[in-house]
Amino acid sequence: MQLFVSSFEAPHLYNREVKLHKLPNEEFINKISQLGGTPKAAMEDKELLKLIIPILKSDLELCETYKFANDDKLMCPIVGFTGHVDLIVNIENFKAWEERTSAGFRHFMFNGGHFYFQDNLINFMFKFTQLLNELILQNSGNLLIGN
């Protein structure tokens, strides 16, 4: 078993000065647009925005108000993915996922921003598939005997 994390700082260091979920809708839309990852047509569709803004804000509220409470380390490896020019994620805080496990941390950085996987889908999927294949090979004995 492994934990895969993407474009999110380690939970014990995550702290946003600006709470995106509290921004007025127009400012919120501008911030989301700056991140990329959402088609321009979607960001200009008023009816669609009425539907997705509450969902996005709720998602961000969960992230932005989370209080880290458990200092226990995970006993599984953590694999992290980020874009090299992410405007949201502090890379040092992301690398601190290493502090959350006793079983090792690997970090893979791709060209791009917060939604690096959209611009690098083939490279990302190749690496992700490679990592899944490693997991299968490592655990194939357990799978064969039913553990």
N, C-alpha and C. Protein backbone atom coordinates (compact mmCIF):
# COMPACT_ATOMS: atom_id res chain seq x y z
N MET A 1 0.84 -1.17 0.00
CA MET A 1 0.00 0.00 0.00
C MET A 1 0.89 1.24 0.00
N GLN A 2 0.44 2.27 -0.72
CA GLN A 2 1.12 3.57 -0.75
C GLN A 2 0.07 4.66 -0.75
N LEU A 3 0.47 5.82 -0.27
CA LEU A 3 -0.38 7.00 -0.36
C LEU A 3 0.17 7.86 -1.49
N PHE A 4 -0.69 8.22 -2.43
CA PHE A 4 -0.32 9.13 -3.51
C PHE A 4 -0.93 10.50 -3.20
N VAL A 5 -0.10 11.54 -3.24
CA VAL A 5 -0.58 12.90 -2.99
C VAL A 5 -0.18 13.78 -4.18
N SER A 6 -1.04 14.75 -4.47
CA SER A 6 -0.80 15.59 -5.63
C SER A 6 -1.14 17.05 -5.31
N SER A 7 -0.16 17.92 -5.52
CA SER A 7 -0.38 19.36 -5.42
C SER A 7 -1.06 19.80 -4.13
N PHE A 8 -0.65 19.21 -3.01
CA PHE A 8 -1.22 19.60 -1.72
C PHE A 8 -0.13 19.51 -0.67
N GLU A 9 0.03 20.56 0.09
CA GLU A 9 1.08 20.61 1.10
C GLU A 9 0.83 19.60 2.21
N ALA A 10 1.89 19.23 2.90
CA ALA A 10 1.77 18.30 4.03
C ALA A 10 0.77 18.85 5.03
N PRO A 11 -0.07 17.99 5.60
CA PRO A 11 -1.18 18.47 6.42
C PRO A 11 -0.77 19.24 7.67
N HIS A 12 0.39 18.94 8.21
CA HIS A 12 0.82 19.64 9.42
C HIS A 12 1.36 21.04 9.14
N LEU A 13 1.57 21.37 7.86
CA LEU A 13 2.07 22.69 7.48
C LEU A 13 1.09 23.51 6.66
N TYR A 14 0.01 22.90 6.27
CA TYR A 14 -0.95 23.59 5.40
C TYR A 14 -1.58 24.75 6.14
N ASN A 15 -1.37 25.95 5.63
CA ASN A 15 -1.95 27.13 6.24
C ASN A 15 -2.07 28.21 5.18
N ARG A 16 -3.26 28.56 4.86
CA ARG A 16 -3.49 29.57 3.84
C ARG A 16 -3.75 30.92 4.49
N GLU A 17 -2.96 31.90 4.09
CA GLU A 17 -3.21 33.28 4.54
C GLU A 17 -4.52 33.76 3.93
N VAL A 18 -4.66 33.56 2.62
CA VAL A 18 -5.88 33.96 1.92
C VAL A 18 -6.79 32.75 1.85
N LYS A 19 -7.98 32.90 2.36
CA LYS A 19 -8.96 31.82 2.32
C LYS A 19 -9.79 32.00 1.04
N LEU A 20 -9.45 31.23 0.02
CA LEU A 20 -10.12 31.36 -1.27
C LEU A 20 -11.63 31.16 -1.15
N HIS A 21 -12.04 30.25 -0.29
CA HIS A 21 -13.48 29.96 -0.20
C HIS A 21 -14.29 31.13 0.34
N LYS A 22 -13.63 32.12 0.94
CA LYS A 22 -14.33 33.28 1.48
C LYS A 22 -14.36 34.47 0.52
N LEU A 23 -13.67 34.34 -0.60
CA LEU A 23 -13.63 35.45 -1.55
C LEU A 23 -15.00 35.68 -2.18
N PRO A 24 -15.30 36.94 -2.54
CA PRO A 24 -16.51 37.20 -3.32
C PRO A 24 -16.43 36.42 -4.63
N ASN A 25 -17.56 36.04 -5.17
CA ASN A 25 -17.59 35.16 -6.35
C ASN A 25 -16.73 35.66 -7.51
N GLU A 26 -16.79 36.94 -7.82
CA GLU A 26 -16.03 37.45 -8.96
C GLU A 26 -14.52 37.31 -8.73
N GLU A 27 -14.08 37.65 -7.54
CA GLU A 27 -12.65 37.51 -7.20
C GLU A 27 -12.26 36.03 -7.16
N PHE A 28 -13.15 35.21 -6.66
CA PHE A 28 -12.93 33.76 -6.61
C PHE A 28 -12.73 33.21 -8.02
N ILE A 29 -13.59 33.60 -8.94
CA ILE A 29 -13.50 33.15 -10.34
C ILE A 29 -12.16 33.57 -10.94
N ASN A 30 -11.73 34.80 -10.67
CA ASN A 30 -10.45 35.28 -11.19
C ASN A 30 -9.29 34.44 -10.66
N LYS A 31 -9.30 34.13 -9.36
CA LYS A 31 -8.24 33.31 -8.76
C LYS A 31 -8.22 31.91 -9.37
N ILE A 32 -9.39 31.31 -9.50
CA ILE A 32 -9.48 29.97 -10.07
C ILE A 32 -8.99 29.98 -11.52
N SER A 33 -9.35 31.02 -12.26
CA SER A 33 -8.90 31.14 -13.66
C SER A 33 -7.39 31.22 -13.75
N GLN A 34 -6.76 31.94 -12.81
CA GLN A 34 -5.30 32.08 -12.82
C GLN A 34 -4.59 30.75 -12.64
N LEU A 35 -5.23 29.83 -11.95
CA LEU A 35 -4.62 28.52 -11.71
C LEU A 35 -4.59 27.66 -12.95
N GLY A 36 -5.46 27.96 -13.90
CA GLY A 36 -5.59 27.09 -15.07
C GLY A 36 -6.38 25.86 -14.68
N GLY A 37 -6.49 24.94 -15.58
CA GLY A 37 -7.16 23.69 -15.26
C GLY A 37 -8.65 23.70 -15.55
N THR A 38 -9.23 24.88 -15.72
CA THR A 38 -10.65 24.98 -16.03
C THR A 38 -10.79 25.67 -17.38
N PRO A 39 -11.48 25.04 -18.32
CA PRO A 39 -11.62 25.65 -19.65
C PRO A 39 -12.20 27.06 -19.57
N LYS A 40 -11.69 27.95 -20.41
CA LYS A 40 -12.15 29.34 -20.44
C LYS A 40 -13.66 29.42 -20.67
N ALA A 41 -14.17 28.58 -21.54
CA ALA A 41 -15.61 28.59 -21.83
C ALA A 41 -16.42 28.30 -20.57
N ALA A 42 -15.92 27.41 -19.74
CA ALA A 42 -16.62 27.08 -18.49
C ALA A 42 -16.60 28.28 -17.54
N MET A 43 -15.49 29.00 -17.51
CA MET A 43 -15.37 30.15 -16.61
C MET A 43 -16.21 31.34 -17.08
N GLU A 44 -16.66 31.30 -18.33
CA GLU A 44 -17.50 32.38 -18.88
C GLU A 44 -18.97 32.01 -18.92
N ASP A 45 -19.31 30.79 -18.57
CA ASP A 45 -20.69 30.31 -18.61
C ASP A 45 -21.36 30.60 -17.25
N LYS A 46 -22.19 31.65 -17.21
CA LYS A 46 -22.81 32.11 -15.96
C LYS A 46 -23.65 31.02 -15.30
N GLU A 47 -24.41 30.27 -16.09
CA GLU A 47 -25.26 29.21 -15.52
C GLU A 47 -24.41 28.10 -14.91
N LEU A 48 -23.36 27.73 -15.60
CA LEU A 48 -22.46 26.70 -15.08
C LEU A 48 -21.78 27.18 -13.80
N LEU A 49 -21.35 28.43 -13.80
CA LEU A 49 -20.68 28.98 -12.62
C LEU A 49 -21.59 28.96 -11.39
N LYS A 50 -22.89 29.21 -11.61
CA LYS A 50 -23.84 29.15 -10.49
C LYS A 50 -23.85 27.77 -9.85
N LEU A 51 -23.62 26.76 -10.68
CA LEU A 51 -23.60 25.38 -10.18
C LEU A 51 -22.26 25.02 -9.53
N ILE A 52 -21.16 25.42 -10.16
CA ILE A 52 -19.86 24.92 -9.68
C ILE A 52 -19.21 25.75 -8.59
N ILE A 53 -19.53 27.04 -8.52
CA ILE A 53 -18.89 27.87 -7.49
C ILE A 53 -19.16 27.34 -6.08
N PRO A 54 -20.41 27.03 -5.73
CA PRO A 54 -20.63 26.50 -4.37
C PRO A 54 -19.89 25.19 -4.11
N ILE A 55 -19.77 24.36 -5.12
CA ILE A 55 -19.07 23.08 -4.97
C ILE A 55 -17.58 23.33 -4.76
N LEU A 56 -16.99 24.18 -5.59
CA LEU A 56 -15.56 24.49 -5.46
C LEU A 56 -15.26 25.16 -4.12
N LYS A 57 -16.11 26.09 -3.72
CA LYS A 57 -15.89 26.77 -2.45
C LYS A 57 -16.00 25.80 -1.27
N SER A 58 -16.94 24.87 -1.35
CA SER A 58 -17.08 23.87 -0.28
C SER A 58 -15.84 22.99 -0.20
N ASP A 59 -15.35 22.58 -1.35
CA ASP A 59 -14.13 21.77 -1.40
C ASP A 59 -12.96 22.53 -0.79
N LEU A 60 -12.80 23.77 -1.19
CA LEU A 60 -11.71 24.59 -0.65
C LEU A 60 -11.89 24.87 0.84
N GLU A 61 -13.13 25.04 1.27
CA GLU A 61 -13.36 25.27 2.70
C GLU A 61 -12.89 24.08 3.53
N LEU A 62 -13.15 22.87 3.04
CA LEU A 62 -12.66 21.68 3.74
C LEU A 62 -11.14 21.71 3.88
N CYS A 63 -10.47 22.04 2.78
CA CYS A 63 -9.01 22.09 2.80
C CYS A 63 -8.48 23.23 3.65
N GLU A 64 -9.09 24.39 3.51
CA GLU A 64 -8.56 25.59 4.15
C GLU A 64 -8.88 25.70 5.65
N THR A 65 -9.83 24.92 6.12
CA THR A 65 -10.18 24.97 7.55
C THR A 65 -9.77 23.72 8.30
N TYR A 66 -9.15 22.77 7.60
CA TYR A 66 -8.70 21.52 8.24
C TYR A 66 -7.68 21.84 9.32
N LYS A 67 -7.84 21.20 10.46
CA LYS A 67 -6.89 21.35 11.57
C LYS A 67 -6.17 20.03 11.78
N PHE A 68 -4.87 20.04 11.58
CA PHE A 68 -4.06 18.84 11.76
C PHE A 68 -4.06 18.45 13.23
N ALA A 69 -4.39 17.19 13.52
CA ALA A 69 -4.54 16.79 14.91
C ALA A 69 -3.74 15.55 15.31
N ASN A 70 -3.28 14.78 14.37
CA ASN A 70 -2.63 13.51 14.71
C ASN A 70 -1.18 13.53 14.26
N ASP A 71 -0.28 13.41 15.20
CA ASP A 71 1.14 13.48 14.87
C ASP A 71 1.76 12.12 14.55
N ASP A 72 0.94 11.06 14.56
CA ASP A 72 1.46 9.73 14.23
C ASP A 72 1.91 9.68 12.77
N LYS A 73 2.98 8.97 12.53
CA LYS A 73 3.46 8.80 11.16
C LYS A 73 2.73 7.64 10.50
N LEU A 74 2.52 7.78 9.20
CA LEU A 74 1.95 6.67 8.43
C LEU A 74 3.00 5.58 8.30
N MET A 75 2.54 4.35 8.17
CA MET A 75 3.47 3.22 8.02
C MET A 75 3.53 2.74 6.58
N CYS A 76 3.11 3.60 5.66
CA CYS A 76 3.20 3.26 4.23
C CYS A 76 4.00 4.36 3.54
N PRO A 77 4.62 4.02 2.41
CA PRO A 77 5.34 5.04 1.65
C PRO A 77 4.37 6.09 1.10
N ILE A 78 4.89 7.28 0.90
CA ILE A 78 4.11 8.36 0.29
C ILE A 78 4.81 8.75 -1.01
N VAL A 79 4.02 8.87 -2.07
CA VAL A 79 4.52 9.32 -3.37
C VAL A 79 3.81 10.62 -3.70
N GLY A 80 4.59 11.66 -3.99
CA GLY A 80 4.01 12.96 -4.26
C GLY A 80 4.29 13.46 -5.66
N PHE A 81 3.32 14.19 -6.21
CA PHE A 81 3.43 14.77 -7.54
C PHE A 81 3.11 16.27 -7.45
N THR A 82 3.92 17.08 -8.12
CA THR A 82 3.65 18.52 -8.20
C THR A 82 4.07 19.05 -9.56
N GLY A 83 3.58 20.24 -9.86
CA GLY A 83 4.06 21.00 -11.01
C GLY A 83 5.17 21.93 -10.54
N HIS A 84 6.08 22.25 -11.43
CA HIS A 84 7.24 23.04 -11.02
C HIS A 84 6.93 24.53 -10.83
N VAL A 85 5.79 24.99 -11.33
CA VAL A 85 5.41 26.40 -11.14
C VAL A 85 4.01 26.51 -10.55
N ASP A 86 3.72 25.71 -9.56
CA ASP A 86 2.42 25.75 -8.89
C ASP A 86 2.30 27.06 -8.11
N LEU A 87 1.24 27.82 -8.38
CA LEU A 87 1.04 29.11 -7.72
C LEU A 87 0.43 28.98 -6.33
N ILE A 88 -0.03 27.79 -5.97
CA ILE A 88 -0.69 27.59 -4.68
C ILE A 88 0.21 26.87 -3.70
N VAL A 89 0.91 25.85 -4.16
CA VAL A 89 1.63 24.96 -3.27
C VAL A 89 3.05 25.46 -3.01
N ASN A 90 3.38 25.62 -1.74
CA ASN A 90 4.75 25.92 -1.34
C ASN A 90 5.52 24.61 -1.41
N ILE A 91 6.53 24.55 -2.26
CA ILE A 91 7.21 23.29 -2.54
C ILE A 91 7.89 22.72 -1.29
N GLU A 92 8.43 23.56 -0.44
CA GLU A 92 9.06 23.06 0.79
C GLU A 92 8.01 22.44 1.71
N ASN A 93 6.83 23.05 1.77
CA ASN A 93 5.74 22.47 2.57
C ASN A 93 5.24 21.17 1.94
N PHE A 94 5.31 21.07 0.62
CA PHE A 94 4.93 19.82 -0.03
C PHE A 94 5.92 18.71 0.30
N LYS A 95 7.20 19.04 0.23
CA LYS A 95 8.24 18.04 0.51
C LYS A 95 8.17 17.54 1.96
N ALA A 96 7.51 18.29 2.81
CA ALA A 96 7.39 17.89 4.22
C ALA A 96 6.47 16.68 4.41
N TRP A 97 5.85 16.19 3.32
CA TRP A 97 5.12 14.92 3.42
C TRP A 97 6.07 13.83 3.93
N GLU A 98 7.36 14.00 3.65
CA GLU A 98 8.36 13.03 4.11
C GLU A 98 8.31 12.86 5.64
N GLU A 99 7.94 13.92 6.33
CA GLU A 99 7.86 13.87 7.80
C GLU A 99 6.64 13.09 8.30
N ARG A 100 5.72 12.77 7.41
CA ARG A 100 4.47 12.13 7.80
C ARG A 100 4.50 10.61 7.65
N THR A 101 5.65 10.07 7.25
CA THR A 101 5.74 8.62 7.04
C THR A 101 7.03 8.06 7.63
N SER A 102 6.95 6.82 8.04
CA SER A 102 8.15 6.11 8.49
C SER A 102 8.63 5.15 7.40
N ALA A 103 7.99 5.20 6.23
CA ALA A 103 8.28 4.22 5.19
C ALA A 103 8.81 4.82 3.89
N GLY A 104 9.21 6.08 3.90
CA GLY A 104 9.82 6.67 2.71
C GLY A 104 8.88 7.58 1.94
N PHE A 105 9.49 8.55 1.27
CA PHE A 105 8.76 9.53 0.47
C PHE A 105 9.50 9.73 -0.84
N ARG A 106 8.74 9.71 -1.93
CA ARG A 106 9.31 10.03 -3.24
C ARG A 106 8.50 11.16 -3.85
N HIS A 107 9.20 12.09 -4.48
CA HIS A 107 8.56 13.27 -5.06
C HIS A 107 8.90 13.35 -6.54
N PHE A 108 7.87 13.49 -7.35
CA PHE A 108 8.05 13.64 -8.79
C PHE A 108 7.47 14.98 -9.21
N MET A 109 8.30 15.77 -9.90
CA MET A 109 7.88 17.10 -10.33
C MET A 109 7.75 17.11 -11.84
N PHE A 110 6.66 17.69 -12.31
CA PHE A 110 6.39 17.78 -13.74
C PHE A 110 6.37 19.24 -14.16
N ASN A 111 6.59 19.49 -15.45
CA ASN A 111 6.44 20.84 -15.98
C ASN A 111 4.99 21.26 -15.80
N GLY A 112 4.80 22.51 -15.43
CA GLY A 112 3.45 23.04 -15.32
C GLY A 112 3.13 23.56 -13.94
N GLY A 113 1.88 23.93 -13.78
CA GLY A 113 1.42 24.53 -12.53
C GLY A 113 0.63 23.55 -11.68
N HIS A 114 -0.41 24.08 -11.04
CA HIS A 114 -1.20 23.28 -10.11
C HIS A 114 -1.86 22.09 -10.81
N PHE A 115 -2.23 22.28 -12.06
CA PHE A 115 -2.85 21.20 -12.84
C PHE A 115 -1.87 20.65 -13.86
N TYR A 116 -0.65 20.38 -13.40
CA TYR A 116 0.45 19.88 -14.23
C TYR A 116 0.06 18.68 -15.08
N PHE A 117 -0.80 17.83 -14.55
CA PHE A 117 -1.16 16.58 -15.24
C PHE A 117 -1.95 16.83 -16.51
N GLN A 118 -2.62 17.98 -16.61
CA GLN A 118 -3.35 18.27 -17.84
C GLN A 118 -2.41 18.57 -18.99
N ASP A 119 -1.35 19.29 -18.71
CA ASP A 119 -0.37 19.63 -19.76
C ASP A 119 0.60 18.50 -20.04
N ASN A 120 0.72 17.58 -19.10
CA ASN A 120 1.70 16.49 -19.20
C ASN A 120 1.04 15.14 -19.00
N LEU A 121 -0.13 14.96 -19.56
CA LEU A 121 -0.91 13.76 -19.28
C LEU A 121 -0.14 12.48 -19.61
N ILE A 122 0.53 12.44 -20.74
CA ILE A 122 1.25 11.22 -21.12
C ILE A 122 2.39 10.95 -20.15
N ASN A 123 3.20 11.97 -19.83
CA ASN A 123 4.30 11.78 -18.88
C ASN A 123 3.79 11.39 -17.51
N PHE A 124 2.74 12.08 -17.07
CA PHE A 124 2.19 11.76 -15.75
C PHE A 124 1.64 10.34 -15.71
N MET A 125 0.85 9.96 -16.70
CA MET A 125 0.27 8.62 -16.71
C MET A 125 1.35 7.55 -16.84
N PHE A 126 2.40 7.83 -17.59
CA PHE A 126 3.51 6.88 -17.69
C PHE A 126 4.12 6.65 -16.31
N LYS A 127 4.42 7.74 -15.59
CA LYS A 127 5.04 7.62 -14.27
C LYS A 127 4.08 6.95 -13.29
N PHE A 128 2.82 7.33 -13.31
CA PHE A 128 1.85 6.76 -12.39
C PHE A 128 1.67 5.27 -12.65
N THR A 129 1.60 4.89 -13.91
CA THR A 129 1.48 3.47 -14.27
C THR A 129 2.72 2.70 -13.84
N GLN A 130 3.88 3.30 -14.05
CA GLN A 130 5.13 2.68 -13.62
C GLN A 130 5.12 2.42 -12.10
N LEU A 131 4.66 3.38 -11.34
CA LEU A 131 4.60 3.24 -9.88
C LEU A 131 3.59 2.17 -9.47
N LEU A 132 2.45 2.13 -10.16
CA LEU A 132 1.46 1.08 -9.87
C LEU A 132 2.01 -0.30 -10.20
N ASN A 133 2.73 -0.41 -11.31
CA ASN A 133 3.35 -1.69 -11.66
C ASN A 133 4.37 -2.12 -10.61
N GLU A 134 5.14 -1.17 -10.08
CA GLU A 134 6.08 -1.49 -8.99
C GLU A 134 5.33 -2.06 -7.79
N LEU A 135 4.22 -1.43 -7.46
CA LEU A 135 3.40 -1.90 -6.33
C LEU A 135 2.90 -3.32 -6.56
N ILE A 136 2.44 -3.57 -7.77
CA ILE A 136 1.93 -4.91 -8.10
C ILE A 136 3.04 -5.93 -7.96
N LEU A 137 4.22 -5.60 -8.50
CA LEU A 137 5.35 -6.54 -8.40
C LEU A 137 5.77 -6.77 -6.96
N GLN A 138 5.80 -5.71 -6.16
CA GLN A 138 6.19 -5.84 -4.75
C GLN A 138 5.20 -6.70 -3.97
N ASN A 139 3.95 -6.64 -4.36
CA ASN A 139 2.91 -7.33 -3.60
C ASN A 139 2.37 -8.57 -4.30
N SER A 140 3.00 -8.98 -5.40
CA SER A 140 2.46 -10.11 -6.16
C SER A 140 2.43 -11.39 -5.34
N GLY A 141 3.40 -11.60 -4.48
CA GLY A 141 3.38 -12.79 -3.62
C GLY A 141 2.19 -12.78 -2.70
N ASN A 142 1.89 -11.63 -2.12
CA ASN A 142 0.74 -11.51 -1.24
C ASN A 142 -0.56 -11.71 -2.00
N LEU A 143 -0.62 -11.20 -3.23
CA LEU A 143 -1.84 -11.34 -4.02
C LEU A 143 -2.08 -12.80 -4.38
N LEU A 144 -1.00 -13.52 -4.70
CA LEU A 144 -1.14 -14.91 -5.12
C LEU A 144 -1.58 -15.82 -3.99
N ILE A 145 -1.14 -15.52 -2.77
CA ILE A 145 -1.52 -16.41 -1.67
C ILE A 145 -2.67 -15.85 -0.83
N GLY A 146 -3.23 -14.74 -1.28
CA GLY A 146 -4.43 -14.21 -0.65
C GLY A 146 -4.22 -13.40 0.60
N ASN A 147 -3.05 -12.84 0.80
CA ASN A 147 -2.81 -11.99 1.99
C ASN A 147 -3.18 -10.56 1.72
